[in-house]
N, C-alpha and C. Protein backbone atom coordinates (compact mmCIF):
# COMPACT_ATOMS: atom_id res chain seq x y z
N MET A 1 156.74 -4.93 140.65
CA MET A 1 156.89 -3.72 139.85
C MET A 1 156.17 -3.89 138.53
N ASP A 2 156.33 -5.06 137.92
CA ASP A 2 155.64 -5.33 136.64
C ASP A 2 154.14 -5.40 136.82
N LYS A 3 153.75 -5.99 137.95
CA LYS A 3 152.30 -6.06 138.20
C LYS A 3 151.70 -4.67 138.34
N LEU A 4 152.47 -3.79 139.03
CA LEU A 4 151.97 -2.43 139.22
C LEU A 4 151.86 -1.72 137.89
N SER A 5 152.89 -1.92 137.07
CA SER A 5 152.86 -1.29 135.74
C SER A 5 151.74 -1.87 134.90
N HIS A 6 151.58 -3.19 135.02
CA HIS A 6 150.51 -3.82 134.26
C HIS A 6 149.13 -3.34 134.71
N GLY A 7 149.01 -3.15 136.05
CA GLY A 7 147.73 -2.67 136.59
C GLY A 7 147.45 -1.25 136.13
N SER A 8 148.53 -0.43 136.14
CA SER A 8 148.33 0.95 135.69
C SER A 8 147.94 1.00 134.23
N SER A 9 148.56 0.02 133.47
CA SER A 9 148.23 -0.02 132.04
C SER A 9 146.79 -0.41 131.81
N ASN A 10 146.29 -1.34 132.61
CA ASN A 10 144.88 -1.74 132.48
C ASN A 10 143.93 -0.58 132.80
N VAL A 11 144.31 0.14 133.86
CA VAL A 11 143.47 1.29 134.22
C VAL A 11 143.45 2.31 133.10
N GLY A 12 144.60 2.53 132.50
CA GLY A 12 144.67 3.48 131.38
C GLY A 12 143.87 3.01 130.19
N ASN A 13 143.94 1.67 129.96
CA ASN A 13 143.15 1.15 128.83
C ASN A 13 141.66 1.34 129.07
N HIS A 14 141.25 1.05 130.31
CA HIS A 14 139.82 1.25 130.62
C HIS A 14 139.40 2.70 130.45
N LEU A 15 140.26 3.64 130.90
CA LEU A 15 139.92 5.06 130.74
C LEU A 15 139.88 5.45 129.28
N SER A 16 140.80 4.91 128.51
CA SER A 16 140.83 5.22 127.08
C SER A 16 139.59 4.67 126.38
N GLU A 17 139.21 3.42 126.76
CA GLU A 17 138.02 2.85 126.18
C GLU A 17 136.77 3.65 126.56
N GLY A 18 136.75 4.10 127.84
CA GLY A 18 135.60 4.89 128.28
C GLY A 18 135.53 6.22 127.55
N PHE A 19 136.71 6.86 127.35
CA PHE A 19 136.73 8.15 126.64
C PHE A 19 136.37 7.96 125.18
N GLY A 20 136.85 6.83 124.64
CA GLY A 20 136.49 6.51 123.25
C GLY A 20 135.02 6.24 123.10
N TYR A 21 134.44 5.62 124.08
CA TYR A 21 133.00 5.35 124.05
C TYR A 21 132.20 6.65 124.02
N LEU A 22 132.69 7.65 124.85
CA LEU A 22 131.99 8.93 124.88
C LEU A 22 132.23 9.74 123.62
N CYS A 23 133.44 9.60 123.04
CA CYS A 23 133.78 10.39 121.87
C CYS A 23 133.41 9.68 120.58
N GLY A 24 133.03 8.40 120.67
CA GLY A 24 132.73 7.64 119.47
C GLY A 24 131.30 7.84 119.02
N SER A 25 130.81 6.82 118.30
CA SER A 25 129.45 6.92 117.74
C SER A 25 128.40 6.95 118.81
N SER A 26 128.73 6.42 119.98
CA SER A 26 127.72 6.39 121.04
C SER A 26 127.46 7.77 121.61
N LEU A 27 128.35 8.76 121.33
CA LEU A 27 128.17 10.09 121.90
C LEU A 27 126.98 10.81 121.26
N HIS A 28 126.68 10.48 120.02
CA HIS A 28 125.59 11.15 119.34
C HIS A 28 124.25 10.80 119.95
N GLY A 29 124.10 9.65 120.52
CA GLY A 29 122.84 9.27 121.13
C GLY A 29 122.75 9.62 122.59
N ALA A 30 123.86 10.11 123.18
CA ALA A 30 123.86 10.41 124.61
C ALA A 30 123.33 11.81 124.85
N ILE A 31 122.64 12.03 125.94
CA ILE A 31 122.12 13.33 126.34
C ILE A 31 122.96 13.84 127.50
N VAL A 32 123.64 14.95 127.25
CA VAL A 32 124.49 15.54 128.29
C VAL A 32 123.71 16.66 128.93
N LYS A 33 123.36 16.55 130.14
CA LYS A 33 122.55 17.53 130.85
C LYS A 33 123.46 18.43 131.67
N PHE A 34 123.40 19.75 131.36
CA PHE A 34 124.19 20.72 132.09
C PHE A 34 123.38 21.23 133.28
N PRO A 35 124.03 21.73 134.28
CA PRO A 35 123.33 22.30 135.44
C PRO A 35 122.44 23.46 135.01
N PHE A 36 121.34 23.66 135.73
CA PHE A 36 120.38 24.71 135.39
C PHE A 36 121.01 26.08 135.43
N SER A 37 121.89 26.34 136.39
CA SER A 37 122.52 27.65 136.51
C SER A 37 123.39 27.96 135.31
N VAL A 38 124.02 26.97 134.74
CA VAL A 38 124.88 27.19 133.58
C VAL A 38 124.04 27.53 132.35
N SER A 39 122.99 26.75 132.09
CA SER A 39 122.14 27.02 130.93
C SER A 39 121.45 28.36 131.06
N ARG A 40 121.10 28.76 132.27
CA ARG A 40 120.43 30.04 132.47
C ARG A 40 121.37 31.19 132.16
N ARG A 41 122.65 31.06 132.54
CA ARG A 41 123.61 32.12 132.26
C ARG A 41 123.83 32.25 130.75
N VAL A 42 123.88 31.14 130.08
CA VAL A 42 124.09 31.18 128.63
C VAL A 42 122.89 31.82 127.95
N HIS A 43 121.67 31.48 128.37
CA HIS A 43 120.47 32.04 127.77
C HIS A 43 120.37 33.55 128.00
N SER A 44 120.81 34.02 129.18
CA SER A 44 120.72 35.43 129.49
C SER A 44 121.67 36.26 128.66
N ARG A 45 122.71 35.64 128.10
CA ARG A 45 123.66 36.39 127.29
C ARG A 45 123.18 36.58 125.86
N LYS A 46 122.12 35.86 125.43
CA LYS A 46 121.63 35.98 124.07
C LYS A 46 120.88 37.30 123.90
N PRO A 47 121.06 37.99 122.77
CA PRO A 47 120.32 39.23 122.53
C PRO A 47 118.84 38.97 122.37
N ARG A 48 118.04 39.79 122.94
CA ARG A 48 116.58 39.65 122.89
C ARG A 48 115.99 40.74 122.00
N ASN A 49 115.08 40.33 121.11
CA ASN A 49 114.39 41.24 120.22
C ASN A 49 113.04 41.61 120.81
N SER A 50 112.83 42.88 121.09
CA SER A 50 111.58 43.34 121.67
C SER A 50 110.52 43.44 120.59
N VAL A 51 109.30 43.03 120.93
CA VAL A 51 108.20 43.13 119.98
C VAL A 51 107.84 44.59 119.71
N SER A 52 108.25 45.49 120.60
CA SER A 52 107.97 46.91 120.42
C SER A 52 109.06 47.63 119.65
N GLY A 53 110.08 46.92 119.21
CA GLY A 53 111.15 47.54 118.46
C GLY A 53 112.24 48.06 119.36
N THR A 54 113.23 48.61 118.75
CA THR A 54 114.35 49.17 119.49
C THR A 54 113.93 50.48 120.15
N PRO A 55 114.71 50.97 121.12
CA PRO A 55 114.37 52.27 121.74
C PRO A 55 114.29 53.40 120.71
N GLU A 56 115.15 53.36 119.70
CA GLU A 56 115.11 54.40 118.67
C GLU A 56 113.82 54.32 117.86
N GLU A 57 113.39 53.09 117.54
CA GLU A 57 112.16 52.92 116.78
C GLU A 57 110.94 53.36 117.59
N ARG A 58 110.95 53.04 118.89
CA ARG A 58 109.83 53.45 119.73
C ARG A 58 109.78 54.97 119.85
N ALA A 59 110.93 55.62 119.94
CA ALA A 59 110.96 57.08 120.04
C ALA A 59 110.43 57.72 118.76
N THR A 60 110.80 57.15 117.62
CA THR A 60 110.31 57.68 116.34
C THR A 60 108.81 57.52 116.23
N LEU A 61 108.28 56.37 116.66
CA LEU A 61 106.84 56.12 116.62
C LEU A 61 106.10 57.10 117.51
N GLN A 62 106.64 57.36 118.69
CA GLN A 62 106.00 58.30 119.60
C GLN A 62 105.96 59.71 119.00
N GLU A 63 107.01 60.10 118.32
CA GLU A 63 107.04 61.42 117.67
C GLU A 63 105.98 61.51 116.57
N MET A 64 105.83 60.42 115.80
CA MET A 64 104.85 60.42 114.73
C MET A 64 103.44 60.52 115.30
N VAL A 65 103.15 59.80 116.36
CA VAL A 65 101.83 59.86 116.98
C VAL A 65 101.55 61.25 117.55
N ALA A 66 102.59 61.85 118.16
CA ALA A 66 102.41 63.19 118.72
C ALA A 66 102.12 64.21 117.63
N GLU A 67 102.81 64.10 116.49
CA GLU A 67 102.56 65.02 115.38
C GLU A 67 101.15 64.85 114.83
N GLU A 68 100.67 63.60 114.77
CA GLU A 68 99.31 63.36 114.27
C GLU A 68 98.28 63.93 115.21
N ILE A 69 98.51 63.81 116.50
CA ILE A 69 97.57 64.37 117.48
C ILE A 69 97.56 65.89 117.40
N ASP A 70 98.74 66.50 117.24
CA ASP A 70 98.81 67.96 117.15
C ASP A 70 98.11 68.48 115.91
N ALA A 71 98.12 67.66 114.84
CA ALA A 71 97.49 68.10 113.58
C ALA A 71 95.97 68.04 113.64
N ARG A 72 95.42 67.31 114.60
CA ARG A 72 93.97 67.20 114.70
C ARG A 72 93.38 68.51 115.21
N PRO A 73 92.13 68.84 114.75
CA PRO A 73 91.49 70.05 115.25
C PRO A 73 91.13 69.89 116.71
N PRO A 74 91.09 70.99 117.45
CA PRO A 74 90.73 70.90 118.88
C PRO A 74 89.36 70.27 119.07
N ALA A 75 89.16 69.70 120.24
CA ALA A 75 87.89 69.06 120.56
C ALA A 75 86.76 70.09 120.48
N GLY A 76 85.68 69.70 119.84
CA GLY A 76 84.54 70.58 119.70
C GLY A 76 84.57 71.45 118.46
N SER A 77 85.69 71.47 117.73
CA SER A 77 85.79 72.26 116.51
C SER A 77 85.65 71.36 115.29
N LEU A 78 85.32 71.96 114.14
CA LEU A 78 85.13 71.21 112.91
C LEU A 78 86.30 71.43 111.97
N SER A 79 86.64 70.40 111.21
CA SER A 79 87.66 70.53 110.19
C SER A 79 87.09 71.32 109.01
N THR A 80 87.94 71.60 108.02
CA THR A 80 87.47 72.36 106.85
C THR A 80 86.38 71.59 106.12
N THR A 81 86.61 70.30 105.90
CA THR A 81 85.59 69.50 105.22
C THR A 81 84.33 69.38 106.08
N GLY A 82 84.50 69.35 107.39
CA GLY A 82 83.33 69.31 108.27
C GLY A 82 82.50 70.58 108.17
N LYS A 83 83.18 71.72 108.11
CA LYS A 83 82.46 72.99 107.95
C LYS A 83 81.77 73.04 106.59
N ASN A 84 82.45 72.55 105.56
CA ASN A 84 81.84 72.51 104.23
C ASN A 84 80.59 71.64 104.23
N GLY A 85 80.69 70.48 104.88
CA GLY A 85 79.53 69.61 104.96
C GLY A 85 78.38 70.26 105.70
N HIS A 86 78.71 71.05 106.75
CA HIS A 86 77.65 71.74 107.50
C HIS A 86 76.96 72.78 106.63
N LEU A 87 77.73 73.52 105.83
CA LEU A 87 77.15 74.52 104.94
C LEU A 87 76.27 73.85 103.89
N ARG A 88 76.71 72.71 103.39
CA ARG A 88 75.90 72.00 102.39
C ARG A 88 74.60 71.49 103.00
N GLU A 89 74.66 71.04 104.23
CA GLU A 89 73.45 70.54 104.89
C GLU A 89 72.44 71.67 105.08
N GLN A 90 72.94 72.88 105.37
CA GLN A 90 72.03 74.01 105.49
C GLN A 90 71.33 74.28 104.16
N ARG A 91 72.08 74.20 103.07
CA ARG A 91 71.47 74.36 101.75
C ARG A 91 70.50 73.22 101.45
N HIS A 92 70.86 72.03 101.93
CA HIS A 92 70.01 70.86 101.67
C HIS A 92 68.62 71.05 102.25
N GLU A 93 68.53 71.59 103.45
CA GLU A 93 67.23 71.79 104.08
C GLU A 93 66.36 72.74 103.27
N VAL A 94 66.97 73.83 102.78
CA VAL A 94 66.21 74.79 101.96
C VAL A 94 65.80 74.15 100.64
N TRP A 95 66.71 73.36 100.06
CA TRP A 95 66.42 72.70 98.79
C TRP A 95 65.28 71.70 98.93
N ARG A 96 65.27 70.94 100.00
CA ARG A 96 64.22 69.95 100.22
C ARG A 96 62.86 70.62 100.35
N ALA A 97 62.81 71.78 101.00
CA ALA A 97 61.55 72.49 101.14
C ALA A 97 61.05 72.96 99.78
N ALA A 98 61.97 73.42 98.92
CA ALA A 98 61.58 73.86 97.58
C ALA A 98 61.08 72.69 96.75
N VAL A 99 61.74 71.55 96.86
CA VAL A 99 61.30 70.36 96.13
C VAL A 99 59.92 69.92 96.60
N ALA A 100 59.70 69.96 97.89
CA ALA A 100 58.40 69.54 98.43
C ALA A 100 57.27 70.42 97.90
N ALA A 101 57.52 71.73 97.80
CA ALA A 101 56.49 72.63 97.29
C ALA A 101 56.20 72.36 95.82
N THR A 102 57.24 72.13 95.03
CA THR A 102 57.04 71.85 93.60
C THR A 102 56.24 70.56 93.41
N ARG A 103 56.59 69.53 94.15
CA ARG A 103 55.89 68.26 94.02
C ARG A 103 54.45 68.36 94.51
N TYR A 104 54.24 69.15 95.53
CA TYR A 104 52.88 69.30 96.06
C TYR A 104 51.95 69.89 95.01
N TRP A 105 52.37 70.99 94.39
CA TRP A 105 51.49 71.64 93.42
C TRP A 105 51.35 70.82 92.15
N MET A 106 52.39 70.07 91.79
CA MET A 106 52.25 69.17 90.65
C MET A 106 51.26 68.05 90.97
N ALA A 107 51.31 67.52 92.21
CA ALA A 107 50.36 66.48 92.61
C ALA A 107 48.93 67.02 92.64
N ARG A 108 48.77 68.28 93.10
CA ARG A 108 47.43 68.90 93.11
C ARG A 108 46.91 69.05 91.69
N LEU A 109 47.77 69.42 90.78
CA LEU A 109 47.37 69.59 89.39
C LEU A 109 47.00 68.25 88.75
N ASP A 110 47.79 67.22 89.05
CA ASP A 110 47.49 65.90 88.51
C ASP A 110 46.17 65.36 89.08
N LEU A 111 45.95 65.61 90.37
CA LEU A 111 44.70 65.15 90.98
C LEU A 111 43.50 65.87 90.36
N HIS A 112 43.65 67.14 90.13
CA HIS A 112 42.56 67.89 89.49
C HIS A 112 42.22 67.30 88.13
N ASP A 113 43.26 67.01 87.34
CA ASP A 113 43.03 66.44 86.01
C ASP A 113 42.41 65.04 86.10
N ALA A 114 42.86 64.25 87.09
CA ALA A 114 42.34 62.89 87.23
C ALA A 114 40.86 62.91 87.61
N ILE A 115 40.48 63.78 88.54
CA ILE A 115 39.08 63.87 88.95
C ILE A 115 38.22 64.39 87.80
N SER A 116 38.73 65.38 87.10
CA SER A 116 37.98 65.94 85.97
C SER A 116 37.74 64.88 84.89
N TRP A 117 38.73 64.08 84.61
CA TRP A 117 38.59 63.04 83.59
C TRP A 117 37.62 61.95 84.05
N ALA A 118 37.70 61.55 85.32
CA ALA A 118 36.78 60.54 85.85
C ALA A 118 35.34 61.03 85.79
N GLN A 119 35.11 62.31 86.08
CA GLN A 119 33.75 62.84 86.04
C GLN A 119 33.24 62.95 84.60
N GLN A 120 34.11 63.28 83.68
CA GLN A 120 33.69 63.34 82.28
C GLN A 120 33.31 61.95 81.77
N MET A 121 34.02 60.92 82.24
CA MET A 121 33.74 59.55 81.82
C MET A 121 32.64 58.91 82.66
N GLU A 122 32.10 59.71 83.62
CA GLU A 122 31.04 59.24 84.52
C GLU A 122 31.46 57.97 85.27
N ALA A 123 32.74 57.92 85.66
CA ALA A 123 33.25 56.80 86.46
C ALA A 123 32.78 56.96 87.91
N PRO A 124 32.55 55.87 88.62
CA PRO A 124 32.09 55.98 90.02
C PRO A 124 33.06 56.78 90.88
N GLU A 125 34.37 56.67 90.61
CA GLU A 125 35.35 57.40 91.41
C GLU A 125 35.16 58.91 91.31
N GLY A 126 34.67 59.38 90.15
CA GLY A 126 34.47 60.82 89.97
C GLY A 126 33.38 61.38 90.84
N ARG A 127 32.39 60.54 91.17
CA ARG A 127 31.27 61.01 91.99
C ARG A 127 31.65 61.19 93.46
N ALA A 128 32.83 60.72 93.84
CA ALA A 128 33.29 60.88 95.23
C ALA A 128 33.86 62.27 95.49
N HIS A 129 33.92 63.14 94.45
CA HIS A 129 34.50 64.48 94.59
C HIS A 129 33.51 65.52 94.09
N PRO A 130 33.65 66.75 94.59
CA PRO A 130 32.81 67.83 94.05
C PRO A 130 33.07 68.02 92.57
N ALA A 131 32.12 68.63 91.91
CA ALA A 131 32.25 68.85 90.47
C ALA A 131 33.46 69.73 90.19
N ILE A 132 34.24 69.33 89.18
CA ILE A 132 35.46 70.04 88.82
C ILE A 132 35.15 71.03 87.70
N ASN A 133 35.59 72.25 87.86
CA ASN A 133 35.44 73.27 86.84
C ASN A 133 36.80 73.50 86.16
N ASP A 134 36.78 73.69 84.88
CA ASP A 134 38.02 73.93 84.14
C ASP A 134 38.71 75.23 84.57
N GLU A 135 37.91 76.19 85.05
CA GLU A 135 38.50 77.45 85.48
C GLU A 135 39.39 77.29 86.71
N ASP A 136 39.17 76.20 87.45
CA ASP A 136 39.96 75.98 88.66
C ASP A 136 41.38 75.46 88.35
N ARG A 137 41.58 75.04 87.14
CA ARG A 137 42.89 74.47 86.80
C ARG A 137 43.97 75.54 86.65
N TYR A 138 43.65 76.66 86.09
CA TYR A 138 44.65 77.68 85.82
C TYR A 138 45.34 78.17 87.10
N PRO A 139 44.62 78.46 88.19
CA PRO A 139 45.31 78.87 89.41
C PRO A 139 46.30 77.81 89.91
N LEU A 140 45.97 76.52 89.73
CA LEU A 140 46.90 75.47 90.13
C LEU A 140 48.16 75.48 89.27
N VAL A 141 47.99 75.75 87.97
CA VAL A 141 49.14 75.83 87.07
C VAL A 141 50.05 76.98 87.48
N GLU A 142 49.48 78.11 87.81
CA GLU A 142 50.28 79.27 88.20
C GLU A 142 51.06 79.00 89.49
N LYS A 143 50.41 78.32 90.42
CA LYS A 143 51.11 78.02 91.67
C LYS A 143 52.24 77.01 91.45
N TRP A 144 51.99 76.06 90.57
CA TRP A 144 53.07 75.11 90.26
C TRP A 144 54.24 75.81 89.57
N ARG A 145 53.96 76.69 88.63
CA ARG A 145 55.02 77.42 87.95
C ARG A 145 55.84 78.26 88.92
N ALA A 146 55.17 78.90 89.86
CA ALA A 146 55.88 79.72 90.84
C ALA A 146 56.79 78.86 91.72
N ALA A 147 56.29 77.69 92.12
CA ALA A 147 57.12 76.78 92.94
C ALA A 147 58.29 76.24 92.13
N PHE A 148 58.05 75.96 90.85
CA PHE A 148 59.10 75.43 89.98
C PHE A 148 60.22 76.46 89.78
N VAL A 149 59.85 77.71 89.56
CA VAL A 149 60.85 78.77 89.40
C VAL A 149 61.62 78.97 90.70
N LYS A 150 60.93 78.91 91.81
CA LYS A 150 61.60 79.06 93.10
C LYS A 150 62.63 77.96 93.31
N GLN A 151 62.29 76.74 92.91
CA GLN A 151 63.26 75.64 93.05
C GLN A 151 64.45 75.84 92.12
N LEU A 152 64.20 76.33 90.91
CA LEU A 152 65.31 76.58 89.98
C LEU A 152 66.29 77.62 90.51
N LEU A 153 65.78 78.58 91.25
CA LEU A 153 66.62 79.65 91.79
C LEU A 153 67.11 79.37 93.20
N THR A 154 66.65 78.28 93.81
CA THR A 154 67.14 77.91 95.14
C THR A 154 68.57 77.40 95.03
N PRO A 155 69.49 77.85 95.89
CA PRO A 155 70.89 77.41 95.80
C PRO A 155 70.99 75.89 95.88
N ALA A 156 71.71 75.32 94.92
CA ALA A 156 71.90 73.87 94.91
C ALA A 156 72.87 73.46 96.01
N TRP A 157 72.69 72.25 96.50
CA TRP A 157 73.52 71.79 97.62
C TRP A 157 74.47 70.67 97.23
N ASP A 158 74.23 70.02 96.05
CA ASP A 158 75.12 68.96 95.60
C ASP A 158 75.12 68.92 94.08
N ALA A 159 75.93 68.00 93.53
CA ALA A 159 76.06 67.90 92.08
C ALA A 159 74.75 67.47 91.42
N ALA A 160 73.97 66.63 92.09
CA ALA A 160 72.71 66.15 91.52
C ALA A 160 71.70 67.29 91.35
N SER A 161 71.64 68.17 92.32
CA SER A 161 70.69 69.29 92.20
C SER A 161 71.13 70.26 91.10
N VAL A 162 72.44 70.43 90.92
CA VAL A 162 72.93 71.26 89.81
C VAL A 162 72.57 70.62 88.47
N ALA A 163 72.75 69.31 88.38
CA ALA A 163 72.42 68.59 87.15
C ALA A 163 70.93 68.72 86.84
N TRP A 164 70.08 68.74 87.85
CA TRP A 164 68.64 68.92 87.63
C TRP A 164 68.36 70.28 86.99
N LYS A 165 69.03 71.30 87.48
CA LYS A 165 68.86 72.64 86.90
C LYS A 165 69.38 72.69 85.46
N GLN A 166 70.53 72.08 85.24
CA GLN A 166 71.10 72.07 83.89
C GLN A 166 70.18 71.35 82.91
N ASN A 167 69.54 70.29 83.36
CA ASN A 167 68.60 69.56 82.50
C ASN A 167 67.38 70.42 82.18
N ALA A 168 66.89 71.16 83.17
CA ALA A 168 65.74 72.04 82.94
C ALA A 168 66.10 73.14 81.95
N LEU A 169 67.34 73.64 82.03
CA LEU A 169 67.79 74.67 81.10
C LEU A 169 67.93 74.11 79.69
N ALA A 170 68.53 72.94 79.56
CA ALA A 170 68.75 72.34 78.24
C ALA A 170 67.44 71.97 77.55
N ARG A 171 66.45 71.53 78.29
CA ARG A 171 65.17 71.09 77.71
C ARG A 171 64.13 72.21 77.62
N GLY A 172 64.51 73.39 78.09
CA GLY A 172 63.57 74.51 78.00
C GLY A 172 62.40 74.40 78.94
N LYS A 173 62.55 73.70 80.05
CA LYS A 173 61.43 73.51 80.98
C LYS A 173 61.04 74.82 81.68
N TYR A 174 61.90 75.80 81.63
CA TYR A 174 61.63 77.07 82.29
C TYR A 174 60.69 77.95 81.46
N GLU A 175 60.44 77.56 80.23
CA GLU A 175 59.58 78.36 79.36
C GLU A 175 58.15 78.45 79.93
N TYR A 176 57.50 79.55 79.65
CA TYR A 176 56.15 79.85 80.12
C TYR A 176 56.09 80.06 81.64
N THR A 177 57.26 80.25 82.23
CA THR A 177 57.29 80.53 83.67
C THR A 177 57.68 81.98 83.96
N GLY A 178 58.15 82.68 82.93
CA GLY A 178 58.60 84.05 83.12
C GLY A 178 60.06 84.15 83.53
N LEU A 179 60.73 83.01 83.72
CA LEU A 179 62.14 83.02 84.12
C LEU A 179 63.02 83.17 82.88
N LYS A 180 63.95 84.12 82.94
CA LYS A 180 64.88 84.34 81.84
C LYS A 180 66.01 83.31 81.90
N PRO A 181 66.43 82.80 80.73
CA PRO A 181 67.51 81.80 80.73
C PRO A 181 68.83 82.32 81.29
N ASP A 182 69.10 83.60 81.07
CA ASP A 182 70.35 84.16 81.59
C ASP A 182 70.38 84.13 83.12
N ARG A 183 69.23 84.37 83.71
CA ARG A 183 69.17 84.33 85.17
C ARG A 183 69.39 82.91 85.69
N LEU A 184 68.83 81.94 84.98
CA LEU A 184 69.03 80.53 85.37
C LEU A 184 70.49 80.12 85.18
N LYS A 185 71.11 80.57 84.11
CA LYS A 185 72.52 80.27 83.88
C LYS A 185 73.39 80.87 84.99
N HIS A 186 73.06 82.08 85.40
CA HIS A 186 73.82 82.72 86.48
C HIS A 186 73.66 81.94 87.78
N ALA A 187 72.45 81.46 88.05
CA ALA A 187 72.23 80.67 89.28
C ALA A 187 73.03 79.37 89.25
N ILE A 188 73.09 78.73 88.09
CA ILE A 188 73.86 77.49 87.96
C ILE A 188 75.35 77.76 88.14
N ALA A 189 75.84 78.87 87.59
CA ALA A 189 77.25 79.22 87.75
C ALA A 189 77.60 79.45 89.22
N ASP A 190 76.69 80.10 89.95
CA ASP A 190 76.92 80.32 91.38
C ASP A 190 76.95 78.99 92.14
N ASP A 191 76.09 78.08 91.75
CA ASP A 191 76.06 76.76 92.40
C ASP A 191 77.38 76.01 92.18
N LEU A 192 77.86 76.02 90.95
CA LEU A 192 79.12 75.32 90.65
C LEU A 192 80.30 75.94 91.39
N ALA A 193 80.28 77.25 91.51
CA ALA A 193 81.36 77.92 92.25
C ALA A 193 81.31 77.56 93.73
N PHE A 194 80.11 77.47 94.28
CA PHE A 194 79.98 77.09 95.70
C PHE A 194 80.49 75.67 95.94
N LEU A 195 80.09 74.73 95.08
CA LEU A 195 80.52 73.34 95.26
C LEU A 195 82.04 73.21 95.13
N ALA A 196 82.63 73.96 94.20
CA ALA A 196 84.08 73.90 94.03
C ALA A 196 84.82 74.49 95.22
N ALA A 197 84.23 75.50 95.85
CA ALA A 197 84.87 76.15 97.00
C ALA A 197 84.61 75.43 98.31
N HIS A 198 83.65 74.51 98.33
CA HIS A 198 83.30 73.79 99.57
C HIS A 198 83.23 72.29 99.29
N PRO A 199 84.37 71.67 99.01
CA PRO A 199 84.36 70.22 98.77
C PRO A 199 84.18 69.44 100.06
N VAL A 200 83.70 68.22 99.92
CA VAL A 200 83.55 67.32 101.06
C VAL A 200 84.18 65.99 100.70
N ARG A 201 84.41 65.14 101.74
CA ARG A 201 84.97 63.82 101.49
C ARG A 201 84.00 62.97 100.67
N ARG A 202 84.57 61.99 99.95
CA ARG A 202 83.75 61.15 99.09
C ARG A 202 82.71 60.38 99.89
N SER A 203 83.08 59.88 101.08
CA SER A 203 82.13 59.13 101.89
C SER A 203 80.97 60.01 102.33
N ASN A 204 81.29 61.29 102.72
CA ASN A 204 80.22 62.20 103.11
C ASN A 204 79.32 62.53 101.93
N ARG A 205 79.94 62.67 100.74
CA ARG A 205 79.16 63.00 99.55
C ARG A 205 78.17 61.89 99.24
N ARG A 206 78.61 60.63 99.33
CA ARG A 206 77.70 59.51 99.07
C ARG A 206 76.59 59.46 100.10
N ARG A 207 76.93 59.73 101.37
CA ARG A 207 75.89 59.69 102.40
C ARG A 207 74.87 60.79 102.20
N GLN A 208 75.32 61.99 101.77
CA GLN A 208 74.41 63.07 101.54
C GLN A 208 73.51 62.80 100.35
N GLU A 209 74.06 62.15 99.31
CA GLU A 209 73.25 61.80 98.13
C GLU A 209 72.23 60.75 98.45
């Protein structure tokens, strides 16, 4: 009977020592591996954060995108700034033609003066052209003045072209052309009113300039 009790006591001591070993300092270095099915169940219970947000956030985003699409002009149509840019481009073409005419007649006048001076100085370059008569200069001046007045009265297409007209008015460049200053002032006022009523985006404005 004592042996049996003693044996049971030894078994209990061994179990206690084993439990103490697991619960003692040695437990921190031990790796307890749980079955795969258990770890998978625990992982599946954790809340997952979607990279697309919650259902409410996704619904709000979809509404915002739909509103932005609805606000866009229909395919093939132009926005207000697009229409304004188109109107300015139409003016730009007319303005460029007026500038080209003014520069052409000014270049013809300068060439006439250059040839006349070379021939007076008996430079070899002067002999490459027909003889220049002073009477031929006046018709060139008249044609240049007519082109210059036409450009002053051509509708401006941007702020730079308006500034060019304002500079001509301030410096009196319109004198001897027959153009009245009041008429030039009225043309400038119309240009400023057009630009104010037809604004364009800053990027388009820089590209047009």
